[in-house]
Amino acid sequence: MKNKTIYIIFLSLFSLLGVISYLLIQKNIVEDNLNLLFFCFFLILIIGVSHGALDHLRGKKILEPIFKKSWYILFYPGYISLSLIVIVCWILFPALTLLMFLLIASYHFGEEDLSFFYKGNGFIFNISSFLKGLLIITLAFHYSFDSTSIFFEYLLVPQESYENIIQFKSLFFSINLFLIIIGLIYLLREQIDKLVLILLEILFIILSFIYLPLILAFSLYFCFLHSSKHIIGLSRELDSENIINGLKLFSIKAIPLTLLTAVIALITVYYLDESLSRNIVQTIFIGLASLTLPHILLEILDRKK
């Protein structure tokens, strides 16, 4: 099964879930409340977190040739330490740490999304990757500013830290969208079918941020349009001949760390504070930030190797 076919399946699933969610919300069957936060929380735990659940295998591949059977002595303490450093930095310098996370995550999201179709490099590719990931941030500010402000408050970042850019949020989104379209046209001018698919993805993402609650729009994107691409890549590494078997192998190997992360996340949600809504938002985003740094570092080292 080709990447394009698999991608169409995930894009269709993303669209279908978005439409169903919109109809349920419009009929007040599902409301934008604590239940929705819990749904998104478990969706990210099951699908989103699992796309990094094989990081220990990447660590083994990188470190074992150097440290032999003792590779895990360096890997696990190092991975956990990097995650804890992010959490400590967030507590001490929330605004700066959030900014760094958004910038790093923007490039990571966009680069991984584009690499699924286009194995490129160079200035235009890197800029387009960054802008593709940044679109999630500018969309959140442009269409869901009130919800974004509440989330930032939950994440210990006061509005004073970003109030100077509020008046430019629509301009930033417009420029971001225009530049990413120009960059994609330049990169994929000879691969029209892939260009159409990526532009269609961008359209669906925009529609989801317009018509769905912010946390749901982000969760659907993160799970079905970002994490899915990474999972497919890992599955092909596990079995390059049979993607279905590769997905089965991935699921089996991803279960232990996914379950461990889920247990830690659940404990954090119930014991962090009295406000469950605040706890869920903090666990999702600060937790993702703490896992993103070592995850991206492993990606970089693996590619260089």
C-alpha atoms as a PDB file:
ATOM      1  CA  MET A   1       0.000   0.000   0.000  1.00  0.00           C
ATOM      2  CA  LYS A   2       1.473   3.338  -1.060  1.00  0.00           C
ATOM      3  CA  ASN A   3       1.895   6.328   1.251  1.00  0.00           C
ATOM      4  CA  LYS A   4      -0.596   8.328  -0.794  1.00  0.00           C
ATOM      5  CA  THR A   5      -3.311   5.699  -0.348  1.00  0.00           C
ATOM      6  CA  ILE A   6      -2.669   5.420   3.387  1.00  0.00           C
ATOM      7  CA  TYR A   7      -2.691   9.188   3.691  1.00  0.00           C
ATOM      8  CA  ILE A   8      -6.041   9.472   1.923  1.00  0.00           C
ATOM      9  CA  ILE A   9      -7.469   7.011   4.457  1.00  0.00           C
ATOM     10  CA  PHE A  10      -6.243   9.084   7.411  1.00  0.00           C
ATOM     11  CA  LEU A  11      -7.348  12.352   5.801  1.00  0.00           C
ATOM     12  CA  SER A  12     -10.803  10.863   5.209  1.00  0.00           C
ATOM     13  CA  LEU A  13     -10.936   9.657   8.812  1.00  0.00           C
ATOM     14  CA  PHE A  14      -9.903  13.103  10.046  1.00  0.00           C
ATOM     15  CA  SER A  15     -12.636  14.716   7.933  1.00  0.00           C
ATOM     16  CA  LEU A  16     -15.292  12.204   8.967  1.00  0.00           C
ATOM     17  CA  LEU A  17     -14.546  12.604  12.676  1.00  0.00           C
ATOM     18  CA  GLY A  18     -14.552  16.373  12.242  1.00  0.00           C
ATOM     19  CA  VAL A  19     -17.980  16.363  10.582  1.00  0.00           C
ATOM     20  CA  ILE A  20     -19.441  13.961  13.173  1.00  0.00           C
ATOM     21  CA  SER A  21     -18.017  16.053  16.021  1.00  0.00           C
ATOM     22  CA  TYR A  22     -19.448  19.231  14.521  1.00  0.00           C
ATOM     23  CA  LEU A  23     -22.931  17.703  14.180  1.00  0.00           C
ATOM     24  CA  LEU A  24     -22.853  16.317  17.721  1.00  0.00           C
ATOM     25  CA  ILE A  25     -21.800  19.698  19.112  1.00  0.00           C
ATOM     26  CA  GLN A  26     -24.445  21.559  17.091  1.00  0.00           C
ATOM     27  CA  LYS A  27     -27.156  19.257  18.461  1.00  0.00           C
ATOM     28  CA  ASN A  28     -25.778  19.709  22.002  1.00  0.00           C
ATOM     29  CA  ILE A  29     -25.135  15.970  22.258  1.00  0.00           C
ATOM     30  CA  VAL A  30     -21.502  16.783  22.943  1.00  0.00           C
ATOM     31  CA  GLU A  31     -20.635  20.084  24.584  1.00  0.00           C
ATOM     32  CA  ASP A  32     -17.365  21.955  24.802  1.00  0.00           C
ATOM     33  CA  ASN A  33     -16.756  21.045  28.439  1.00  0.00           C
ATOM     34  CA  LEU A  34     -14.857  18.695  30.692  1.00  0.00           C
ATOM     35  CA  ASN A  35     -16.123  15.625  28.830  1.00  0.00           C
ATOM     36  CA  LEU A  36     -14.669  16.956  25.578  1.00  0.00           C
ATOM     37  CA  LEU A  37     -11.346  17.618  27.305  1.00  0.00           C
ATOM     38  CA  PHE A  38     -11.289  14.049  28.593  1.00  0.00           C
ATOM     39  CA  PHE A  39     -12.069  12.701  25.124  1.00  0.00           C
ATOM     40  CA  CYS A  40      -9.193  14.667  23.590  1.00  0.00           C
ATOM     41  CA  PHE A  41      -6.927  13.689  26.475  1.00  0.00           C
ATOM     42  CA  PHE A  42      -7.484   9.962  25.907  1.00  0.00           C
ATOM     43  CA  LEU A  43      -7.277  10.357  22.121  1.00  0.00           C
ATOM     44  CA  ILE A  44      -3.825  11.932  22.470  1.00  0.00           C
ATOM     45  CA  LEU A  45      -2.745   9.291  25.005  1.00  0.00           C
ATOM     46  CA  ILE A  46      -3.807   6.406  22.758  1.00  0.00           C
ATOM     47  CA  ILE A  47      -2.692   7.652  19.330  1.00  0.00           C
ATOM     48  CA  GLY A  48      -0.628  10.803  19.775  1.00  0.00           C
ATOM     49  CA  VAL A  49       1.738   9.596  22.479  1.00  0.00           C
ATOM     50  CA  SER A  50       2.203   6.202  20.828  1.00  0.00           C
ATOM     51  CA  HIS A  51       3.969   7.753  17.840  1.00  0.00           C
ATOM     52  CA  GLY A  52       6.964   8.323  20.111  1.00  0.00           C
ATOM     53  CA  ALA A  53       6.666   5.006  21.935  1.00  0.00           C
ATOM     54  CA  LEU A  54       9.483   3.427  19.938  1.00  0.00           C
ATOM     55  CA  ASP A  55      12.029   6.097  20.809  1.00  0.00           C
ATOM     56  CA  HIS A  56      13.907   3.527  22.893  1.00  0.00           C
ATOM     57  CA  LEU A  57      14.495   1.470  19.741  1.00  0.00           C
ATOM     58  CA  ARG A  58      15.946   4.517  18.002  1.00  0.00           C
ATOM     59  CA  GLY A  59      18.073   5.129  21.064  1.00  0.00           C
ATOM     60  CA  LYS A  60      19.293   1.535  20.945  1.00  0.00           C
ATOM     61  CA  LYS A  61      20.151   1.827  17.245  1.00  0.00           C
ATOM     62  CA  ILE A  62      22.146   5.007  17.882  1.00  0.00           C
ATOM     63  CA  LEU A  63      23.897   4.075  21.128  1.00  0.00           C
ATOM     64  CA  GLU A  64      24.406   0.303  20.915  1.00  0.00           C
ATOM     65  CA  PRO A  65      27.254   0.465  18.360  1.00  0.00           C
ATOM     66  CA  ILE A  66      29.133   2.712  20.798  1.00  0.00           C
ATOM     67  CA  PHE A  67      28.150   1.455  24.239  1.00  0.00           C
ATOM     68  CA  LYS A  68      27.248  -2.154  23.332  1.00  0.00           C
ATOM     69  CA  LYS A  69      24.874  -3.785  25.828  1.00  0.00           C
ATOM     70  CA  SER A  70      25.129  -0.821  28.194  1.00  0.00           C
ATOM     71  CA  TRP A  71      23.337   1.539  25.806  1.00  0.00           C
ATOM     72  CA  TYR A  72      20.237   1.708  28.031  1.00  0.00           C
ATOM     73  CA  ILE A  73      22.295   3.032  30.972  1.00  0.00           C
ATOM     74  CA  LEU A  74      22.799   6.252  29.025  1.00  0.00           C
ATOM     75  CA  PHE A  75      19.518   6.313  27.096  1.00  0.00           C
ATOM     76  CA  TYR A  76      16.841   6.072  29.780  1.00  0.00           C
ATOM     77  CA  PRO A  77      18.377   8.485  32.332  1.00  0.00           C
ATOM     78  CA  GLY A  78      19.200  10.896  29.490  1.00  0.00           C
ATOM     79  CA  TYR A  79      15.683  10.758  28.017  1.00  0.00           C
ATOM     80  CA  ILE A  80      14.016  11.240  31.399  1.00  0.00           C
ATOM     81  CA  SER A  81      16.431  14.021  32.369  1.00  0.00           C
ATOM     82  CA  LEU A  82      15.703  16.001  29.198  1.00  0.00           C
ATOM     83  CA  SER A  83      11.966  15.671  29.853  1.00  0.00           C
ATOM     84  CA  LEU A  84      12.366  16.843  33.452  1.00  0.00           C
ATOM     85  CA  ILE A  85      14.515  19.794  32.346  1.00  0.00           C
ATOM     86  CA  VAL A  86      11.675  20.971  30.086  1.00  0.00           C
ATOM     87  CA  ILE A  87       9.162  20.718  32.951  1.00  0.00           C
ATOM     88  CA  VAL A  88      11.433  22.633  35.339  1.00  0.00           C
ATOM     89  CA  CYS A  89      12.090  25.321  32.708  1.00  0.00           C
ATOM     90  CA  TRP A  90       8.339  25.627  32.137  1.00  0.00           C
ATOM     91  CA  ILE A  91       7.738  26.202  35.853  1.00  0.00           C
ATOM     92  CA  LEU A  92      10.554  28.766  36.115  1.00  0.00           C
ATOM     93  CA  PHE A  93      10.224  30.490  32.720  1.00  0.00           C
ATOM     94  CA  PRO A  94       6.750  29.614  31.361  1.00  0.00           C
ATOM     95  CA  ALA A  95       6.486  32.275  28.652  1.00  0.00           C
ATOM     96  CA  LEU A  96       9.969  31.659  27.219  1.00  0.00           C
ATOM     97  CA  THR A  97       9.632  27.874  27.416  1.00  0.00           C
ATOM     98  CA  LEU A  98       6.233  27.967  25.701  1.00  0.00           C
ATOM     99  CA  LEU A  99       7.656  30.147  22.938  1.00  0.00           C
ATOM    100  CA  MET A 100      10.577  27.778  22.394  1.00  0.00           C
ATOM    101  CA  PHE A 101       8.240  24.788  22.402  1.00  0.00           C
ATOM    102  CA  LEU A 102       5.920  26.370  19.825  1.00  0.00           C
ATOM    103  CA  LEU A 103       8.829  27.240  17.519  1.00  0.00           C
ATOM    104  CA  ILE A 104      10.476  23.820  17.791  1.00  0.00           C
ATOM    105  CA  ALA A 105       7.168  21.955  17.524  1.00  0.00           C
ATOM    106  CA  SER A 106       6.177  24.036  14.479  1.00  0.00           C
ATOM    107  CA  TYR A 107       9.228  22.902  12.541  1.00  0.00           C
ATOM    108  CA  HIS A 108       8.939  19.324  13.795  1.00  0.00           C
ATOM    109  CA  PHE A 109       5.248  19.039  12.856  1.00  0.00           C
ATOM    110  CA  GLY A 110       5.692  20.657   9.466  1.00  0.00           C
ATOM    111  CA  GLU A 111       8.905  18.843   8.549  1.00  0.00           C
ATOM    112  CA  GLU A 112       7.469  15.445   9.399  1.00  0.00           C
ATOM    113  CA  ASP A 113       4.230  16.227   7.567  1.00  0.00           C
ATOM    114  CA  LEU A 114       6.015  17.307   4.369  1.00  0.00           C
ATOM    115  CA  SER A 115       8.638  14.541   4.523  1.00  0.00           C
ATOM    116  CA  PHE A 116       5.853  12.012   4.234  1.00  0.00           C
ATOM    117  CA  PHE A 117       5.498  13.143   0.606  1.00  0.00           C
ATOM    118  CA  TYR A 118       8.624  15.077  -0.269  1.00  0.00           C
ATOM    119  CA  LYS A 119      12.109  13.931   0.726  1.00  0.00           C
ATOM    120  CA  GLY A 120      13.730  17.314   0.437  1.00  0.00           C
ATOM    121  CA  ASN A 121      16.162  19.614   2.128  1.00  0.00           C
ATOM    122  CA  GLY A 122      17.447  23.121   1.694  1.00  0.00           C
ATOM    123  CA  PHE A 123      16.183  26.567   2.657  1.00  0.00           C
ATOM    124  CA  ILE A 124      12.785  26.498   0.914  1.00  0.00           C
ATOM    125  CA  PHE A 125      11.938  23.073   2.312  1.00  0.00           C
ATOM    126  CA  ASN A 126      12.931  24.047   5.866  1.00  0.00           C
ATOM    127  CA  ILE A 127      11.025  27.333   5.741  1.00  0.00           C
ATOM    128  CA  SER A 128       7.968  25.625   4.257  1.00  0.00           C
ATOM    129  CA  SER A 129       8.155  22.965   6.975  1.00  0.00           C
ATOM    130  CA  PHE A 130       8.273  25.585   9.704  1.00  0.00           C
ATOM    131  CA  LEU A 131       5.384  27.540   8.188  1.00  0.00           C
ATOM    132  CA  LYS A 132       3.325  24.371   7.757  1.00  0.00           C
ATOM    133  CA  GLY A 133       3.655  23.591  11.466  1.00  0.00           C
ATOM    134  CA  LEU A 134       3.247  27.220  12.499  1.00  0.00           C
ATOM    135  CA  LEU A 135      -0.136  27.257  10.772  1.00  0.00           C
ATOM    136  CA  ILE A 136      -1.588  25.382  13.765  1.00  0.00           C
ATOM    137  CA  ILE A 137      -0.473  28.217  16.067  1.00  0.00           C
ATOM    138  CA  THR A 138      -1.682  31.092  13.891  1.00  0.00           C
ATOM    139  CA  LEU A 139      -4.995  29.296  13.328  1.00  0.00           C
ATOM    140  CA  ALA A 140      -5.476  28.964  17.085  1.00  0.00           C
ATOM    141  CA  PHE A 141      -4.847  32.680  17.607  1.00  0.00           C
ATOM    142  CA  HIS A 142      -6.954  33.774  14.639  1.00  0.00           C
ATOM    143  CA  TYR A 143     -10.069  31.629  15.115  1.00  0.00           C
ATOM    144  CA  SER A 144      -9.963  30.614  18.793  1.00  0.00           C
ATOM    145  CA  PHE A 145      -8.205  33.440  20.565  1.00  0.00           C
ATOM    146  CA  ASP A 146     -10.367  33.284  23.721  1.00  0.00           C
ATOM    147  CA  SER A 147      -9.759  29.546  24.144  1.00  0.00           C
ATOM    148  CA  THR A 148      -6.059  30.005  23.378  1.00  0.00           C
ATOM    149  CA  SER A 149      -5.828  32.681  26.080  1.00  0.00           C
ATOM    150  CA  ILE A 150      -7.484  30.380  28.611  1.00  0.00           C
ATOM    151  CA  PHE A 151      -5.095  27.560  27.712  1.00  0.00           C
ATOM    152  CA  PHE A 152      -2.115  29.905  28.010  1.00  0.00           C
ATOM    153  CA  GLU A 153      -3.371  30.967  31.421  1.00  0.00           C
ATOM    154  CA  TYR A 154      -3.596  27.305  32.437  1.00  0.00           C
ATOM    155  CA  LEU A 155      -0.031  26.914  31.133  1.00  0.00           C
ATOM    156  CA  LEU A 156       1.156  29.674  33.503  1.00  0.00           C
ATOM    157  CA  VAL A 157       1.584  32.255  30.710  1.00  0.00           C
ATOM    158  CA  PRO A 158      -0.207  35.578  31.406  1.00  0.00           C
ATOM    159  CA  GLN A 159      -1.802  37.525  28.558  1.00  0.00           C
ATOM    160  CA  GLU A 160       0.638  40.387  29.167  1.00  0.00           C
ATOM    161  CA  SER A 161       3.347  38.194  27.644  1.00  0.00           C
ATOM    162  CA  TYR A 162       1.724  38.209  24.207  1.00  0.00           C
ATOM    163  CA  GLU A 163      -0.776  41.069  24.251  1.00  0.00           C
ATOM    164  CA  ASN A 164       1.360  43.113  21.823  1.00  0.00           C
ATOM    165  CA  ILE A 165       0.753  40.598  19.028  1.00  0.00           C
ATOM    166  CA  ILE A 166      -3.004  40.279  19.559  1.00  0.00           C
ATOM    167  CA  GLN A 167      -3.810  43.056  17.096  1.00  0.00           C
ATOM    168  CA  PHE A 168      -1.722  41.310  14.420  1.00  0.00           C
ATOM    169  CA  LYS A 169      -3.139  37.788  14.846  1.00  0.00           C
ATOM    170  CA  SER A 170      -5.204  37.937  11.634  1.00  0.00           C
ATOM    171  CA  LEU A 171      -2.290  39.382   9.683  1.00  0.00           C
ATOM    172  CA  PHE A 172       0.072  36.673  10.942  1.00  0.00           C
ATOM    173  CA  PHE A 173      -2.385  33.968   9.896  1.00  0.00           C
ATOM    174  CA  SER A 174      -2.873  35.468   6.427  1.00  0.00           C
ATOM    175  CA  ILE A 175       0.864  35.841   5.796  1.00  0.00           C
ATOM    176  CA  ASN A 176       1.520  32.353   7.169  1.00  0.00           C
ATOM    177  CA  LEU A 177      -1.079  30.797   4.866  1.00  0.00           C
ATOM    178  CA  PHE A 178       0.060  32.743   1.806  1.00  0.00           C
ATOM    179  CA  LEU A 179       3.738  31.859   2.270  1.00  0.00           C
ATOM    180  CA  ILE A 180       3.123  28.169   2.905  1.00  0.00           C
ATOM    181  CA  ILE A 181       1.032  27.905  -0.263  1.00  0.00           C
ATOM    182  CA  ILE A 182       3.777  29.632  -2.282  1.00  0.00           C
ATOM    183  CA  GLY A 183       6.420  27.353  -0.749  1.00  0.00           C
ATOM    184  CA  LEU A 184       4.417  24.203  -1.458  1.00  0.00           C
ATOM    185  CA  ILE A 185       3.762  25.211  -5.049  1.00  0.00           C
ATOM    186  CA  TYR A 186       7.482  25.773  -5.554  1.00  0.00           C
ATOM    187  CA  LEU A 187       8.495  22.465  -3.941  1.00  0.00           C
ATOM    188  CA  LEU A 188       5.808  20.300  -5.549  1.00  0.00           C
ATOM    189  CA  ARG A 189       5.369  22.046  -8.887  1.00  0.00           C
ATOM    190  CA  GLU A 190       6.233  18.792 -10.660  1.00  0.00           C
ATOM    191  CA  GLN A 191       4.165  16.564  -8.334  1.00  0.00           C
ATOM    192  CA  ILE A 192       0.687  17.992  -8.696  1.00  0.00           C
ATOM    193  CA  ASP A 193      -1.102  15.034  -7.091  1.00  0.00           C
ATOM    194  CA  LYS A 194       0.899  15.437  -3.867  1.00  0.00           C
ATOM    195  CA  LEU A 195       0.458  19.212  -3.954  1.00  0.00           C
ATOM    196  CA  VAL A 196      -3.318  18.818  -4.191  1.00  0.00           C
ATOM    197  CA  LEU A 197      -3.378  16.390  -1.251  1.00  0.00           C
ATOM    198  CA  ILE A 198      -1.333  18.678   1.008  1.00  0.00           C
ATOM    199  CA  LEU A 199      -3.419  21.734   0.066  1.00  0.00           C
ATOM    200  CA  LEU A 200      -6.547  19.684   0.768  1.00  0.00           C
ATOM    201  CA  GLU A 201      -5.123  18.784   4.175  1.00  0.00           C
ATOM    202  CA  ILE A 202      -4.490  22.460   4.916  1.00  0.00           C
ATOM    203  CA  LEU A 203      -8.068  23.299   3.893  1.00  0.00           C
ATOM    204  CA  PHE A 204      -9.501  20.619   6.182  1.00  0.00           C
ATOM    205  CA  ILE A 205      -7.292  21.766   9.061  1.00  0.00           C
ATOM    206  CA  ILE A 206      -8.495  25.348   8.632  1.00  0.00           C
ATOM    207  CA  LEU A 207     -12.139  24.222   8.555  1.00  0.00           C
ATOM    208  CA  SER A 208     -11.626  22.182  11.727  1.00  0.00           C
ATOM    209  CA  PHE A 209     -10.210  25.198  13.574  1.00  0.00           C
ATOM    210  CA  ILE A 210     -13.116  27.341  12.349  1.00  0.00           C
ATOM    211  CA  TYR A 211     -15.967  25.008  13.282  1.00  0.00           C
ATOM    212  CA  LEU A 212     -14.628  22.846  16.122  1.00  0.00           C
ATOM    213  CA  PRO A 213     -13.477  23.686  19.656  1.00  0.00           C
ATOM    214  CA  LEU A 214      -9.764  24.429  19.775  1.00  0.00           C
ATOM    215  CA  ILE A 215      -8.719  21.390  21.805  1.00  0.00           C
ATOM    216  CA  LEU A 216     -10.671  19.043  19.533  1.00  0.00           C
ATOM    217  CA  ALA A 217      -9.285  20.583  16.326  1.00  0.00           C
ATOM    218  CA  PHE A 218      -5.736  20.272  17.661  1.00  0.00           C
ATOM    219  CA  SER A 219      -6.254  16.710  18.905  1.00  0.00           C
ATOM    220  CA  LEU A 220      -7.676  15.499  15.579  1.00  0.00           C
ATOM    221  CA  TYR A 221      -4.771  17.098  13.709  1.00  0.00           C
ATOM    222  CA  PHE A 222      -2.128  15.794  16.114  1.00  0.00           C
ATOM    223  CA  CYS A 223      -3.463  12.239  16.122  1.00  0.00           C
ATOM    224  CA  PHE A 224      -4.716  11.660  12.584  1.00  0.00           C
ATOM    225  CA  LEU A 225      -2.604  13.982  10.415  1.00  0.00           C
ATOM    226  CA  HIS A 226       0.693  14.211  12.301  1.00  0.00           C
ATOM    227  CA  SER A 227       1.160  11.137  14.489  1.00  0.00           C
ATOM    228  CA  SER A 228      -0.296   8.855  11.808  1.00  0.00           C
ATOM    229  CA  LYS A 229       2.488   9.813   9.365  1.00  0.00           C
ATOM    230  CA  HIS A 230       5.162   9.009  11.946  1.00  0.00           C
ATOM    231  CA  ILE A 231       3.494   5.710  12.839  1.00  0.00           C
ATOM    232  CA  ILE A 232       3.378   4.710   9.167  1.00  0.00           C
ATOM    233  CA  GLY A 233       7.086   5.543   8.824  1.00  0.00           C
ATOM    234  CA  LEU A 234       7.976   3.415  11.848  1.00  0.00           C
ATOM    235  CA  SER A 235       5.767   0.577  10.598  1.00  0.00           C
ATOM    236  CA  ARG A 236       7.606   0.572   7.265  1.00  0.00           C
ATOM    237  CA  GLU A 237      10.901   0.348   9.147  1.00  0.00           C
ATOM    238  CA  LEU A 238       9.591  -2.689  11.032  1.00  0.00           C
ATOM    239  CA  ASP A 239       8.326  -4.383   7.854  1.00  0.00           C
ATOM    240  CA  SER A 240       9.095  -2.673   4.561  1.00  0.00           C
ATOM    241  CA  GLU A 241       7.274  -5.354   2.546  1.00  0.00           C
ATOM    242  CA  ASN A 242       3.967  -5.523   4.409  1.00  0.00           C
ATOM    243  CA  ILE A 243       2.601  -2.328   5.947  1.00  0.00           C
ATOM    244  CA  ILE A 244      -0.254  -4.171   7.698  1.00  0.00           C
ATOM    245  CA  ASN A 245       2.197  -6.452   9.475  1.00  0.00           C
ATOM    246  CA  GLY A 246       4.366  -3.423  10.206  1.00  0.00           C
ATOM    247  CA  LEU A 247       1.408  -1.734  11.915  1.00  0.00           C
ATOM    248  CA  LYS A 248       0.792  -4.868  13.974  1.00  0.00           C
ATOM    249  CA  LEU A 249       4.432  -4.986  15.044  1.00  0.00           C
ATOM    250  CA  PHE A 250       4.344  -1.286  15.886  1.00  0.00           C
ATOM    251  CA  SER A 251       1.212  -1.722  18.007  1.00  0.00           C
ATOM    252  CA  ILE A 252       2.784  -4.555  19.983  1.00  0.00           C
ATOM    253  CA  LYS A 253       6.066  -2.718  20.554  1.00  0.00           C
ATOM    254  CA  ALA A 254       4.360   0.601  21.389  1.00  0.00           C
ATOM    255  CA  ILE A 255       2.032  -0.759  24.080  1.00  0.00           C
ATOM    256  CA  PRO A 256       4.465  -0.824  27.074  1.00  0.00           C
ATOM    257  CA  LEU A 257       5.682   2.786  26.921  1.00  0.00           C
ATOM    258  CA  THR A 258       2.271   4.077  25.833  1.00  0.00           C
ATOM    259  CA  LEU A 259       0.644   2.442  28.872  1.00  0.00           C
ATOM    260  CA  LEU A 260       3.361   3.739  31.182  1.00  0.00           C
ATOM    261  CA  THR A 261       2.941   7.273  29.852  1.00  0.00           C
ATOM    262  CA  ALA A 262      -0.846   6.991  30.150  1.00  0.00           C
ATOM    263  CA  VAL A 263      -0.623   5.908  33.795  1.00  0.00           C
ATOM    264  CA  ILE A 264       1.706   8.797  34.666  1.00  0.00           C
ATOM    265  CA  ALA A 265      -0.561  11.239  32.804  1.00  0.00           C
ATOM    266  CA  LEU A 266      -3.685  10.007  34.614  1.00  0.00           C
ATOM    267  CA  ILE A 267      -2.014  10.286  37.994  1.00  0.00           C
ATOM    268  CA  THR A 268      -0.895  13.807  37.116  1.00  0.00           C
ATOM    269  CA  VAL A 269      -4.398  14.849  36.044  1.00  0.00           C
ATOM    270  CA  TYR A 270      -6.045  13.680  39.264  1.00  0.00           C
ATOM    271  CA  TYR A 271      -3.432  14.898  41.737  1.00  0.00           C
ATOM    272  CA  LEU A 272      -1.918  18.022  40.166  1.00  0.00           C
ATOM    273  CA  ASP A 273      -4.594  20.523  41.199  1.00  0.00           C
ATOM    274  CA  GLU A 274      -8.267  20.777  42.145  1.00  0.00           C
ATOM    275  CA  SER A 275      -9.252  21.932  38.644  1.00  0.00           C
ATOM    276  CA  LEU A 276      -9.491  18.958  36.283  1.00  0.00           C
ATOM    277  CA  SER A 277      -9.737  21.210  33.222  1.00  0.00           C
ATOM    278  CA  ARG A 278      -6.521  22.986  34.132  1.00  0.00           C
ATOM    279  CA  ASN A 279      -4.827  19.686  34.926  1.00  0.00           C
ATOM    280  CA  ILE A 280      -5.762  18.133  31.586  1.00  0.00           C
ATOM    281  CA  VAL A 281      -4.511  21.118  29.581  1.00  0.00           C
ATOM    282  CA  GLN A 282      -1.255  21.249  31.560  1.00  0.00           C
ATOM    283  CA  THR A 283      -0.712  17.503  31.252  1.00  0.00           C
ATOM    284  CA  ILE A 284      -1.381  17.517  27.504  1.00  0.00           C
ATOM    285  CA  PHE A 285       0.765  20.466  26.502  1.00  0.00           C
ATOM    286  CA  ILE A 286       3.524  20.514  29.111  1.00  0.00           C
ATOM    287  CA  GLY A 287       3.673  16.732  28.827  1.00  0.00           C
ATOM    288  CA  LEU A 288       3.973  16.924  25.038  1.00  0.00           C
ATOM    289  CA  ALA A 289       6.644  19.594  25.372  1.00  0.00           C
ATOM    290  CA  SER A 290       8.672  17.456  27.774  1.00  0.00           C
ATOM    291  CA  LEU A 291       8.532  14.497  25.371  1.00  0.00           C
ATOM    292  CA  THR A 292       9.112  16.547  22.226  1.00  0.00           C
ATOM    293  CA  LEU A 293      12.692  17.617  23.049  1.00  0.00           C
ATOM    294  CA  PRO A 294      14.201  14.104  23.454  1.00  0.00           C
ATOM    295  CA  HIS A 295      11.980  12.796  20.639  1.00  0.00           C
ATOM    296  CA  ILE A 296      13.250  15.402  18.170  1.00  0.00           C
ATOM    297  CA  LEU A 297      16.843  14.956  19.342  1.00  0.00           C
ATOM    298  CA  LEU A 298      16.606  11.231  18.594  1.00  0.00           C
ATOM    299  CA  GLU A 299      15.162  11.989  15.147  1.00  0.00           C
ATOM    300  CA  ILE A 300      18.094  14.289  14.361  1.00  0.00           C
ATOM    301  CA  LEU A 301      20.719  11.828  15.614  1.00  0.00           C
ATOM    302  CA  ASP A 302      19.077   8.933  13.779  1.00  0.00           C
ATOM    303  CA  ARG A 303      19.051  10.800  10.471  1.00  0.00           C
ATOM    304  CA  LYS A 304      22.666  11.856  10.841  1.00  0.00           C
ATOM    305  CA  LYS A 305      23.622   8.272  11.658  1.00  0.00           C
END
